[in-house]
Amino acid sequence: MSDSKPKRHWGDRRDGRWVKDVPGLQTVMAHILPNRTDCEVYLHESFDITELLPYLEKKNAEHPEYKTTVFHALIMSVARMIRERPKMNRFIQGRRMYERYEISLSFVAKRRFRDDGEEALMFFVPRDDETLDSFSRRIVSDVRETRKSESSTGGIDAVIDGFAKIPRLLLMLALRIVRWLDFWGINPKALTDGDPNYSTVLLANLGSIQGPAVYHHLNNYGTNSIMVTVGTIHKEERIMPDGSKQVRDVVDIGATLDERIGDGFYFVRSLKLVKHIFAHPELLDRPLNEPSNFDFK
């Protein structure tokens, strides 16, 4: 994705270009199965992070004020994968296929770790020259700033809180209008900027609360086509390429995707690239726009 402003043509949306050269099957599926939640496919994988953990420990020893986590590494690995696998940055809305102009990643952060703690929506667009170090610092800084307040202070959180105060009948009417605008891609920026439902990938770090990786549903509203959850880090015995057995550090990943944006072959190859990056974390020190040169054979 280039940092320059894209040139829009007729049929494009503010957040993506209209992809016209798609196979007939995908075009027809957008009409036969217009709802994203009807087209969910699920991927589950255990990532070996034995090489990743000492890599992160070294970074955190050098910069303890900005702790880089496995979740940060996953976000950046997914961003690198999408940069090299652009079809993963597509979405279907209004029964048409679009490809985003930029990569966007989002997650939900708890303001306070307690039952009544409010949630904040975090939204990031990595730059072309972004590395794990710079991206992790942005995440840590933004989350710290967000947690200074126990309630929303602006942005999409404040917009949602405003909608919640509308009487039920009026809220039903307002949201019907919002959904119609969403179909045609003409929602105001105030309703889309910073909203995870309009991000390339929405992630959830369930491992941070000692939870397992799950399959999270997609939403028909918005343009988000990929949902990823990460579970807790644990030990697991594995058979190595030379036939020996080793106890390795692993983490479970669950992903839900809109099958209409690609096919199984493309999805599995994309997953292999993320696993390759985890096995070779030094790739995360490269700028986002520098290819990993992964051999898909």
C-alpha atoms as a PDB file:
ATOM      1  CA  MET A   1       0.000   0.000   0.000  1.00  0.00           C
ATOM      2  CA  SER A   2       1.388   3.348  -0.959  1.00  0.00           C
ATOM      3  CA  ASP A   3       1.340   6.315   1.405  1.00  0.00           C
ATOM      4  CA  SER A   4       0.216   8.556  -1.505  1.00  0.00           C
ATOM      5  CA  LYS A   5      -3.454   9.386  -1.954  1.00  0.00           C
ATOM      6  CA  PRO A   6      -5.051   6.910  -4.401  1.00  0.00           C
ATOM      7  CA  LYS A   7      -6.786   8.075  -7.554  1.00  0.00           C
ATOM      8  CA  ARG A   8     -10.464   7.182  -7.465  1.00  0.00           C
ATOM      9  CA  HIS A   9     -12.498   6.064 -10.460  1.00  0.00           C
ATOM     10  CA  TRP A  10     -16.212   5.649 -11.016  1.00  0.00           C
ATOM     11  CA  GLY A  11     -17.567   2.878  -8.819  1.00  0.00           C
ATOM     12  CA  ASP A  12     -14.785   3.121  -6.234  1.00  0.00           C
ATOM     13  CA  ARG A  13     -15.495   3.754  -2.580  1.00  0.00           C
ATOM     14  CA  ARG A  14     -13.713   6.140  -0.263  1.00  0.00           C
ATOM     15  CA  ASP A  15     -12.049   3.151   1.423  1.00  0.00           C
ATOM     16  CA  GLY A  16     -11.409   0.874  -1.552  1.00  0.00           C
ATOM     17  CA  ARG A  17     -11.273   0.452  -5.308  1.00  0.00           C
ATOM     18  CA  TRP A  18     -13.876  -1.586  -7.159  1.00  0.00           C
ATOM     19  CA  VAL A  19     -12.306  -4.880  -8.307  1.00  0.00           C
ATOM     20  CA  LYS A  20     -13.930  -5.771 -11.609  1.00  0.00           C
ATOM     21  CA  ASP A  21     -11.687  -8.579 -12.858  1.00  0.00           C
ATOM     22  CA  VAL A  22     -12.886 -11.225 -10.403  1.00  0.00           C
ATOM     23  CA  PRO A  23     -13.948 -14.781 -11.312  1.00  0.00           C
ATOM     24  CA  GLY A  24     -17.613 -15.210 -12.164  1.00  0.00           C
ATOM     25  CA  LEU A  25     -18.127 -17.492  -9.163  1.00  0.00           C
ATOM     26  CA  GLN A  26     -17.127 -14.752  -6.729  1.00  0.00           C
ATOM     27  CA  THR A  27     -19.345 -12.221  -8.496  1.00  0.00           C
ATOM     28  CA  VAL A  28     -22.355 -14.537  -8.338  1.00  0.00           C
ATOM     29  CA  MET A  29     -21.650 -15.526  -4.711  1.00  0.00           C
ATOM     30  CA  ALA A  30     -21.909 -11.879  -3.686  1.00  0.00           C
ATOM     31  CA  HIS A  31     -25.532 -12.015  -4.873  1.00  0.00           C
ATOM     32  CA  ILE A  32     -26.467 -15.545  -3.823  1.00  0.00           C
ATOM     33  CA  LEU A  33     -24.864 -15.085  -0.384  1.00  0.00           C
ATOM     34  CA  PRO A  34     -25.000 -11.321   0.230  1.00  0.00           C
ATOM     35  CA  ASN A  35     -24.481 -11.574   3.991  1.00  0.00           C
ATOM     36  CA  ARG A  36     -20.923 -11.868   5.279  1.00  0.00           C
ATOM     37  CA  THR A  37     -21.998 -14.021   8.219  1.00  0.00           C
ATOM     38  CA  ASP A  38     -23.340 -16.641   5.780  1.00  0.00           C
ATOM     39  CA  CYS A  39     -19.881 -17.031   4.217  1.00  0.00           C
ATOM     40  CA  GLU A  40     -17.640 -17.592   7.223  1.00  0.00           C
ATOM     41  CA  VAL A  41     -14.804 -20.104   7.015  1.00  0.00           C
ATOM     42  CA  TYR A  42     -12.586 -21.013   9.944  1.00  0.00           C
ATOM     43  CA  LEU A  43      -8.876 -21.636  10.290  1.00  0.00           C
ATOM     44  CA  HIS A  44      -7.155 -22.942  13.397  1.00  0.00           C
ATOM     45  CA  GLU A  45      -3.416 -23.295  13.822  1.00  0.00           C
ATOM     46  CA  SER A  46      -0.858 -23.617  16.617  1.00  0.00           C
ATOM     47  CA  PHE A  47       2.090 -21.320  16.012  1.00  0.00           C
ATOM     48  CA  ASP A  48       5.522 -22.374  17.237  1.00  0.00           C
ATOM     49  CA  ILE A  49       6.919 -19.287  19.004  1.00  0.00           C
ATOM     50  CA  THR A  50      10.057 -20.862  20.467  1.00  0.00           C
ATOM     51  CA  GLU A  51      12.260 -18.593  18.326  1.00  0.00           C
ATOM     52  CA  LEU A  52      10.004 -15.580  18.788  1.00  0.00           C
ATOM     53  CA  LEU A  53      10.121 -15.439  22.603  1.00  0.00           C
ATOM     54  CA  PRO A  54      13.907 -14.870  23.008  1.00  0.00           C
ATOM     55  CA  TYR A  55      13.726 -12.357  20.150  1.00  0.00           C
ATOM     56  CA  LEU A  56      11.107 -10.390  22.104  1.00  0.00           C
ATOM     57  CA  GLU A  57      12.997 -10.760  25.394  1.00  0.00           C
ATOM     58  CA  LYS A  58      16.053  -9.162  23.817  1.00  0.00           C
ATOM     59  CA  LYS A  59      13.992  -6.253  22.484  1.00  0.00           C
ATOM     60  CA  ASN A  60      12.285  -5.684  25.816  1.00  0.00           C
ATOM     61  CA  ALA A  61      15.608  -5.722  27.664  1.00  0.00           C
ATOM     62  CA  GLU A  62      16.778  -2.902  25.404  1.00  0.00           C
ATOM     63  CA  HIS A  63      13.531  -0.910  25.641  1.00  0.00           C
ATOM     64  CA  PRO A  64      11.697  -1.923  28.860  1.00  0.00           C
ATOM     65  CA  GLU A  65       9.451   1.146  28.741  1.00  0.00           C
ATOM     66  CA  TYR A  66       7.818  -0.170  25.549  1.00  0.00           C
ATOM     67  CA  LYS A  67       7.145  -3.847  26.095  1.00  0.00           C
ATOM     68  CA  THR A  68       6.705  -5.704  22.809  1.00  0.00           C
ATOM     69  CA  THR A  69       4.402  -8.707  23.135  1.00  0.00           C
ATOM     70  CA  VAL A  70       3.513 -11.779  21.110  1.00  0.00           C
ATOM     71  CA  PHE A  71       0.263 -10.007  20.233  1.00  0.00           C
ATOM     72  CA  HIS A  72       2.191  -7.057  18.793  1.00  0.00           C
ATOM     73  CA  ALA A  73       4.286  -9.475  16.753  1.00  0.00           C
ATOM     74  CA  LEU A  74       1.128 -11.168  15.470  1.00  0.00           C
ATOM     75  CA  ILE A  75      -0.398  -7.859  14.399  1.00  0.00           C
ATOM     76  CA  MET A  76       2.755  -6.867  12.520  1.00  0.00           C
ATOM     77  CA  SER A  77       3.109 -10.337  10.977  1.00  0.00           C
ATOM     78  CA  VAL A  78      -0.460 -10.152   9.696  1.00  0.00           C
ATOM     79  CA  ALA A  79       0.234  -6.680   8.283  1.00  0.00           C
ATOM     80  CA  ARG A  80       3.303  -8.010   6.431  1.00  0.00           C
ATOM     81  CA  MET A  81       1.300 -10.926   5.089  1.00  0.00           C
ATOM     82  CA  ILE A  82      -1.448  -8.650   3.783  1.00  0.00           C
ATOM     83  CA  ARG A  83       1.126  -6.362   2.181  1.00  0.00           C
ATOM     84  CA  GLU A  84       2.445  -9.351   0.212  1.00  0.00           C
ATOM     85  CA  ARG A  85      -0.971 -11.020  -0.269  1.00  0.00           C
ATOM     86  CA  PRO A  86      -3.235  -8.136  -1.392  1.00  0.00           C
ATOM     87  CA  LYS A  87      -6.319 -10.290  -1.956  1.00  0.00           C
ATOM     88  CA  MET A  88      -6.491 -10.647   1.827  1.00  0.00           C
ATOM     89  CA  ASN A  89      -7.200  -6.913   1.900  1.00  0.00           C
ATOM     90  CA  ARG A  90     -10.438  -7.242  -0.038  1.00  0.00           C
ATOM     91  CA  PHE A  91     -14.041  -7.013   1.106  1.00  0.00           C
ATOM     92  CA  ILE A  92     -17.524  -7.330  -0.313  1.00  0.00           C
ATOM     93  CA  GLN A  93     -20.129  -4.670   0.362  1.00  0.00           C
ATOM     94  CA  GLY A  94     -23.115  -3.647  -1.721  1.00  0.00           C
ATOM     95  CA  ARG A  95     -22.681  -7.013  -3.539  1.00  0.00           C
ATOM     96  CA  ARG A  96     -19.410  -5.840  -5.101  1.00  0.00           C
ATOM     97  CA  MET A  97     -15.773  -6.724  -4.501  1.00  0.00           C
ATOM     98  CA  TYR A  98     -13.425  -3.971  -3.338  1.00  0.00           C
ATOM     99  CA  GLU A  99      -9.750  -3.805  -2.414  1.00  0.00           C
ATOM    100  CA  ARG A 100      -8.699  -1.387   0.314  1.00  0.00           C
ATOM    101  CA  TYR A 101      -6.299   1.433  -0.378  1.00  0.00           C
ATOM    102  CA  GLU A 102      -4.538   0.812   2.931  1.00  0.00           C
ATOM    103  CA  ILE A 103      -3.942  -1.908   5.498  1.00  0.00           C
ATOM    104  CA  SER A 104      -5.786  -1.362   8.765  1.00  0.00           C
ATOM    105  CA  LEU A 105      -5.647  -3.394  11.972  1.00  0.00           C
ATOM    106  CA  SER A 106      -7.846  -3.041  15.018  1.00  0.00           C
ATOM    107  CA  PHE A 107      -8.549  -4.557  18.405  1.00  0.00           C
ATOM    108  CA  VAL A 108     -10.497  -3.848  21.560  1.00  0.00           C
ATOM    109  CA  ALA A 109      -8.662  -2.778  24.720  1.00  0.00           C
ATOM    110  CA  LYS A 110     -10.079  -2.926  28.227  1.00  0.00           C
ATOM    111  CA  ARG A 111      -9.713   0.397  30.031  1.00  0.00           C
ATOM    112  CA  ARG A 112      -9.726  -1.452  33.353  1.00  0.00           C
ATOM    113  CA  PHE A 113      -9.356  -5.212  33.949  1.00  0.00           C
ATOM    114  CA  ARG A 114     -12.573  -5.668  35.891  1.00  0.00           C
ATOM    115  CA  ASP A 115     -16.123  -6.776  35.089  1.00  0.00           C
ATOM    116  CA  ASP A 116     -17.479  -3.255  34.735  1.00  0.00           C
ATOM    117  CA  GLY A 117     -14.452  -1.897  32.858  1.00  0.00           C
ATOM    118  CA  GLU A 118     -15.368  -0.195  29.583  1.00  0.00           C
ATOM    119  CA  GLU A 119     -13.839  -1.203  26.259  1.00  0.00           C
ATOM    120  CA  ALA A 120     -12.020   1.113  23.871  1.00  0.00           C
ATOM    121  CA  LEU A 121     -11.705   0.591  20.126  1.00  0.00           C
ATOM    122  CA  MET A 122      -8.122   0.767  18.836  1.00  0.00           C
ATOM    123  CA  PHE A 123      -7.425   1.296  15.128  1.00  0.00           C
ATOM    124  CA  PHE A 124      -4.017   1.397  13.412  1.00  0.00           C
ATOM    125  CA  VAL A 125      -2.817   1.932   9.845  1.00  0.00           C
ATOM    126  CA  PRO A 126       0.846   0.831   9.536  1.00  0.00           C
ATOM    127  CA  ARG A 127       3.137   2.983   7.416  1.00  0.00           C
ATOM    128  CA  ASP A 128       5.216   1.600   4.550  1.00  0.00           C
ATOM    129  CA  ASP A 129       8.411   2.078   6.589  1.00  0.00           C
ATOM    130  CA  GLU A 130       6.903   0.558   9.750  1.00  0.00           C
ATOM    131  CA  THR A 131       8.836  -2.085  11.705  1.00  0.00           C
ATOM    132  CA  LEU A 132       7.828  -4.047  14.787  1.00  0.00           C
ATOM    133  CA  ASP A 133       9.686  -1.587  17.038  1.00  0.00           C
ATOM    134  CA  SER A 134       7.927   1.525  15.770  1.00  0.00           C
ATOM    135  CA  PHE A 135       4.539  -0.166  15.535  1.00  0.00           C
ATOM    136  CA  SER A 136       4.771  -1.610  19.045  1.00  0.00           C
ATOM    137  CA  ARG A 137       5.601   1.828  20.441  1.00  0.00           C
ATOM    138  CA  ARG A 138       2.536   3.289  18.739  1.00  0.00           C
ATOM    139  CA  ILE A 139       0.324   0.576  20.226  1.00  0.00           C
ATOM    140  CA  VAL A 140       1.733   0.931  23.745  1.00  0.00           C
ATOM    141  CA  SER A 141       1.486   4.733  23.643  1.00  0.00           C
ATOM    142  CA  ASP A 142      -2.095   4.752  22.355  1.00  0.00           C
ATOM    143  CA  VAL A 143      -3.284   2.118  24.836  1.00  0.00           C
ATOM    144  CA  ARG A 144      -1.664   3.998  27.733  1.00  0.00           C
ATOM    145  CA  GLU A 145      -3.325   7.217  26.633  1.00  0.00           C
ATOM    146  CA  THR A 146      -6.689   5.473  26.315  1.00  0.00           C
ATOM    147  CA  ARG A 147      -6.466   3.953  29.781  1.00  0.00           C
ATOM    148  CA  LYS A 148      -5.969   7.360  31.397  1.00  0.00           C
ATOM    149  CA  SER A 149      -9.751   7.691  31.240  1.00  0.00           C
ATOM    150  CA  GLU A 150     -12.343   5.150  32.405  1.00  0.00           C
ATOM    151  CA  SER A 151     -14.810   6.237  29.718  1.00  0.00           C
ATOM    152  CA  SER A 152     -14.700   7.296  26.078  1.00  0.00           C
ATOM    153  CA  THR A 153     -13.210  10.703  25.354  1.00  0.00           C
ATOM    154  CA  GLY A 154     -13.894  11.027  21.636  1.00  0.00           C
ATOM    155  CA  GLY A 155     -13.673   9.276  18.292  1.00  0.00           C
ATOM    156  CA  ILE A 156     -15.816   6.304  17.325  1.00  0.00           C
ATOM    157  CA  ASP A 157     -16.368   5.384  20.999  1.00  0.00           C
ATOM    158  CA  ALA A 158     -18.100   8.713  21.599  1.00  0.00           C
ATOM    159  CA  VAL A 159     -20.191   8.297  18.422  1.00  0.00           C
ATOM    160  CA  ILE A 160     -21.405   4.870  19.607  1.00  0.00           C
ATOM    161  CA  ASP A 161     -22.196   6.257  23.062  1.00  0.00           C
ATOM    162  CA  GLY A 162     -24.215   8.998  21.385  1.00  0.00           C
ATOM    163  CA  PHE A 163     -26.265   6.491  19.384  1.00  0.00           C
ATOM    164  CA  ALA A 164     -26.912   4.493  22.562  1.00  0.00           C
ATOM    165  CA  LYS A 165     -28.702   7.473  24.117  1.00  0.00           C
ATOM    166  CA  ILE A 166     -31.281   7.689  21.310  1.00  0.00           C
ATOM    167  CA  PRO A 167     -34.764   6.291  22.119  1.00  0.00           C
ATOM    168  CA  ARG A 168     -35.246   2.764  20.809  1.00  0.00           C
ATOM    169  CA  LEU A 169     -37.661   3.563  17.956  1.00  0.00           C
ATOM    170  CA  LEU A 170     -35.477   6.410  16.685  1.00  0.00           C
ATOM    171  CA  LEU A 171     -32.362   4.257  17.088  1.00  0.00           C
ATOM    172  CA  MET A 172     -33.938   1.537  14.923  1.00  0.00           C
ATOM    173  CA  LEU A 173     -34.685   4.110  12.213  1.00  0.00           C
ATOM    174  CA  ALA A 174     -31.235   5.719  12.465  1.00  0.00           C
ATOM    175  CA  LEU A 175     -29.442   2.405  12.181  1.00  0.00           C
ATOM    176  CA  ARG A 176     -31.576   1.387   9.215  1.00  0.00           C
ATOM    177  CA  ILE A 177     -30.386   4.544   7.452  1.00  0.00           C
ATOM    178  CA  VAL A 178     -26.790   3.837   8.497  1.00  0.00           C
ATOM    179  CA  ARG A 179     -27.021   0.316   7.050  1.00  0.00           C
ATOM    180  CA  TRP A 180     -28.392   1.705   3.766  1.00  0.00           C
ATOM    181  CA  LEU A 181     -25.517   4.202   3.566  1.00  0.00           C
ATOM    182  CA  ASP A 182     -23.124   1.352   4.380  1.00  0.00           C
ATOM    183  CA  PHE A 183     -24.465  -0.702   1.442  1.00  0.00           C
ATOM    184  CA  TRP A 184     -23.686   2.102  -0.995  1.00  0.00           C
ATOM    185  CA  GLY A 185     -20.388   3.059   0.649  1.00  0.00           C
ATOM    186  CA  ILE A 186     -21.435   6.610   1.475  1.00  0.00           C
ATOM    187  CA  ASN A 187     -21.411   6.538   5.269  1.00  0.00           C
ATOM    188  CA  PRO A 188     -19.956   9.730   6.803  1.00  0.00           C
ATOM    189  CA  LYS A 189     -16.316   9.435   7.871  1.00  0.00           C
ATOM    190  CA  ALA A 190     -17.402  10.114  11.455  1.00  0.00           C
ATOM    191  CA  LEU A 191     -19.146   6.712  11.413  1.00  0.00           C
ATOM    192  CA  THR A 192     -16.315   4.746   9.780  1.00  0.00           C
ATOM    193  CA  ASP A 193     -12.976   6.251  10.807  1.00  0.00           C
ATOM    194  CA  GLY A 194     -11.566   4.259  13.689  1.00  0.00           C
ATOM    195  CA  ASP A 195     -14.357   1.674  13.592  1.00  0.00           C
ATOM    196  CA  PRO A 196     -12.957  -1.918  13.717  1.00  0.00           C
ATOM    197  CA  ASN A 197     -15.863  -3.016  11.532  1.00  0.00           C
ATOM    198  CA  TYR A 198     -14.098  -1.120   8.723  1.00  0.00           C
ATOM    199  CA  SER A 199     -10.620  -2.540   9.320  1.00  0.00           C
ATOM    200  CA  THR A 200      -8.768  -5.137   7.275  1.00  0.00           C
ATOM    201  CA  VAL A 201      -8.311  -7.376  10.298  1.00  0.00           C
ATOM    202  CA  LEU A 202      -9.969  -7.272  13.711  1.00  0.00           C
ATOM    203  CA  LEU A 203      -7.903  -9.067  16.357  1.00  0.00           C
ATOM    204  CA  ALA A 204      -8.548 -10.159  19.935  1.00  0.00           C
ATOM    205  CA  ASN A 205      -5.846 -11.030  22.449  1.00  0.00           C
ATOM    206  CA  LEU A 206      -7.694 -13.553  24.603  1.00  0.00           C
ATOM    207  CA  GLY A 207      -4.387 -14.841  25.909  1.00  0.00           C
ATOM    208  CA  SER A 208      -4.005 -11.606  27.899  1.00  0.00           C
ATOM    209  CA  ILE A 209      -6.989 -12.704  30.044  1.00  0.00           C
ATOM    210  CA  GLN A 210      -5.933 -16.376  30.085  1.00  0.00           C
ATOM    211  CA  GLY A 211      -8.533 -17.287  27.501  1.00  0.00           C
ATOM    212  CA  PRO A 212      -8.345 -19.735  24.575  1.00  0.00           C
ATOM    213  CA  ALA A 213      -8.352 -18.850  20.899  1.00  0.00           C
ATOM    214  CA  VAL A 214     -11.909 -18.952  19.558  1.00  0.00           C
ATOM    215  CA  TYR A 215     -13.698 -18.431  16.268  1.00  0.00           C
ATOM    216  CA  HIS A 216     -15.231 -14.974  16.438  1.00  0.00           C
ATOM    217  CA  HIS A 217     -18.087 -14.161  14.084  1.00  0.00           C
ATOM    218  CA  LEU A 218     -17.847 -11.565  11.330  1.00  0.00           C
ATOM    219  CA  ASN A 219     -20.391  -8.741  10.968  1.00  0.00           C
ATOM    220  CA  ASN A 220     -22.628  -7.910   8.026  1.00  0.00           C
ATOM    221  CA  TYR A 221     -22.161  -4.231   8.843  1.00  0.00           C
ATOM    222  CA  GLY A 222     -18.936  -2.605   7.657  1.00  0.00           C
ATOM    223  CA  THR A 223     -16.179  -4.099   5.527  1.00  0.00           C
ATOM    224  CA  ASN A 224     -14.142  -6.283   7.895  1.00  0.00           C
ATOM    225  CA  SER A 225     -13.494  -9.689   6.302  1.00  0.00           C
ATOM    226  CA  ILE A 226     -10.981 -11.235   8.725  1.00  0.00           C
ATOM    227  CA  MET A 227     -11.228 -11.822  12.473  1.00  0.00           C
ATOM    228  CA  VAL A 228      -8.268 -13.311  14.383  1.00  0.00           C
ATOM    229  CA  THR A 229      -8.004 -14.380  18.016  1.00  0.00           C
ATOM    230  CA  VAL A 230      -4.903 -15.485  19.915  1.00  0.00           C
ATOM    231  CA  GLY A 231      -4.944 -17.717  23.004  1.00  0.00           C
ATOM    232  CA  THR A 232      -2.543 -18.379  25.850  1.00  0.00           C
ATOM    233  CA  ILE A 233       1.093 -19.417  25.414  1.00  0.00           C
ATOM    234  CA  HIS A 234       1.718 -23.006  26.476  1.00  0.00           C
ATOM    235  CA  LYS A 235       4.138 -25.902  26.122  1.00  0.00           C
ATOM    236  CA  GLU A 236       3.549 -28.669  23.606  1.00  0.00           C
ATOM    237  CA  GLU A 237       5.590 -31.670  22.525  1.00  0.00           C
ATOM    238  CA  ARG A 238       6.248 -31.695  18.796  1.00  0.00           C
ATOM    239  CA  ILE A 239       8.017 -33.902  16.313  1.00  0.00           C
ATOM    240  CA  MET A 240      10.803 -31.974  14.609  1.00  0.00           C
ATOM    241  CA  PRO A 241      11.850 -32.305  10.936  1.00  0.00           C
ATOM    242  CA  ASP A 242      14.700 -34.669  11.919  1.00  0.00           C
ATOM    243  CA  GLY A 243      12.248 -36.992  13.712  1.00  0.00           C
ATOM    244  CA  SER A 244      13.236 -35.971  17.251  1.00  0.00           C
ATOM    245  CA  LYS A 245      10.741 -34.846  19.876  1.00  0.00           C
ATOM    246  CA  GLN A 246      10.988 -31.447  21.533  1.00  0.00           C
ATOM    247  CA  VAL A 247       8.858 -29.476  23.960  1.00  0.00           C
ATOM    248  CA  ARG A 248       8.133 -26.189  22.227  1.00  0.00           C
ATOM    249  CA  ASP A 249       6.420 -22.922  23.138  1.00  0.00           C
ATOM    250  CA  VAL A 250       3.230 -22.571  21.101  1.00  0.00           C
ATOM    251  CA  VAL A 251       0.190 -20.338  20.893  1.00  0.00           C
ATOM    252  CA  ASP A 252      -3.164 -21.161  19.320  1.00  0.00           C
ATOM    253  CA  ILE A 253      -4.616 -18.902  16.637  1.00  0.00           C
ATOM    254  CA  GLY A 254      -8.235 -18.886  15.487  1.00  0.00           C
ATOM    255  CA  ALA A 255      -9.284 -17.047  12.326  1.00  0.00           C
ATOM    256  CA  THR A 256     -12.652 -16.394  10.708  1.00  0.00           C
ATOM    257  CA  LEU A 257     -12.692 -15.218   7.090  1.00  0.00           C
ATOM    258  CA  ASP A 258     -15.194 -14.253   4.427  1.00  0.00           C
ATOM    259  CA  GLU A 259     -14.770 -17.033   1.867  1.00  0.00           C
ATOM    260  CA  ARG A 260     -15.970 -14.757  -0.944  1.00  0.00           C
ATOM    261  CA  ILE A 261     -12.751 -12.677  -1.002  1.00  0.00           C
ATOM    262  CA  GLY A 262     -10.508 -15.602  -1.986  1.00  0.00           C
ATOM    263  CA  ASP A 263     -10.188 -19.360  -2.122  1.00  0.00           C
ATOM    264  CA  GLY A 264      -8.771 -22.004   0.199  1.00  0.00           C
ATOM    265  CA  PHE A 265      -5.473 -22.186  -1.684  1.00  0.00           C
ATOM    266  CA  TYR A 266      -4.871 -18.448  -1.246  1.00  0.00           C
ATOM    267  CA  PHE A 267      -5.929 -18.531   2.426  1.00  0.00           C
ATOM    268  CA  VAL A 268      -3.663 -21.448   3.338  1.00  0.00           C
ATOM    269  CA  ARG A 269      -0.653 -19.887   1.609  1.00  0.00           C
ATOM    270  CA  SER A 270      -1.289 -16.672   3.493  1.00  0.00           C
ATOM    271  CA  LEU A 271      -1.372 -18.606   6.760  1.00  0.00           C
ATOM    272  CA  LYS A 272       1.939 -20.271   5.875  1.00  0.00           C
ATOM    273  CA  LEU A 273       3.527 -16.856   5.383  1.00  0.00           C
ATOM    274  CA  VAL A 274       2.472 -15.708   8.860  1.00  0.00           C
ATOM    275  CA  LYS A 275       3.894 -18.933  10.362  1.00  0.00           C
ATOM    276  CA  HIS A 276       7.131 -18.368   8.442  1.00  0.00           C
ATOM    277  CA  ILE A 277       7.451 -14.859   9.886  1.00  0.00           C
ATOM    278  CA  PHE A 278       6.900 -16.199  13.413  1.00  0.00           C
ATOM    279  CA  ALA A 279       9.636 -18.783  12.814  1.00  0.00           C
ATOM    280  CA  HIS A 280      11.967 -16.055  11.485  1.00  0.00           C
ATOM    281  CA  PRO A 281      11.102 -13.020  13.645  1.00  0.00           C
ATOM    282  CA  GLU A 282      14.057 -11.026  12.318  1.00  0.00           C
ATOM    283  CA  LEU A 283      11.784 -10.309   9.331  1.00  0.00           C
ATOM    284  CA  LEU A 284       9.807  -8.024  11.636  1.00  0.00           C
ATOM    285  CA  ASP A 285      12.803  -5.681  11.767  1.00  0.00           C
ATOM    286  CA  ARG A 286      12.427  -4.996   8.055  1.00  0.00           C
ATOM    287  CA  PRO A 287      10.219  -2.137   6.811  1.00  0.00           C
ATOM    288  CA  LEU A 288       6.712  -3.238   5.946  1.00  0.00           C
ATOM    289  CA  ASN A 289       7.235  -2.574   2.242  1.00  0.00           C
ATOM    290  CA  GLU A 290      10.309  -4.833   2.077  1.00  0.00           C
ATOM    291  CA  PRO A 291       9.282  -8.342   0.914  1.00  0.00           C
ATOM    292  CA  SER A 292      10.009 -11.415   3.021  1.00  0.00           C
ATOM    293  CA  ASN A 293      11.049 -13.464  -0.067  1.00  0.00           C
ATOM    294  CA  PHE A 294       9.155 -16.459   1.282  1.00  0.00           C
ATOM    295  CA  ASP A 295       9.217 -19.513  -1.002  1.00  0.00           C
ATOM    296  CA  PHE A 296       5.650 -20.814  -1.253  1.00  0.00           C
ATOM    297  CA  LYS A 297       6.721 -24.160  -2.755  1.00  0.00           C
END
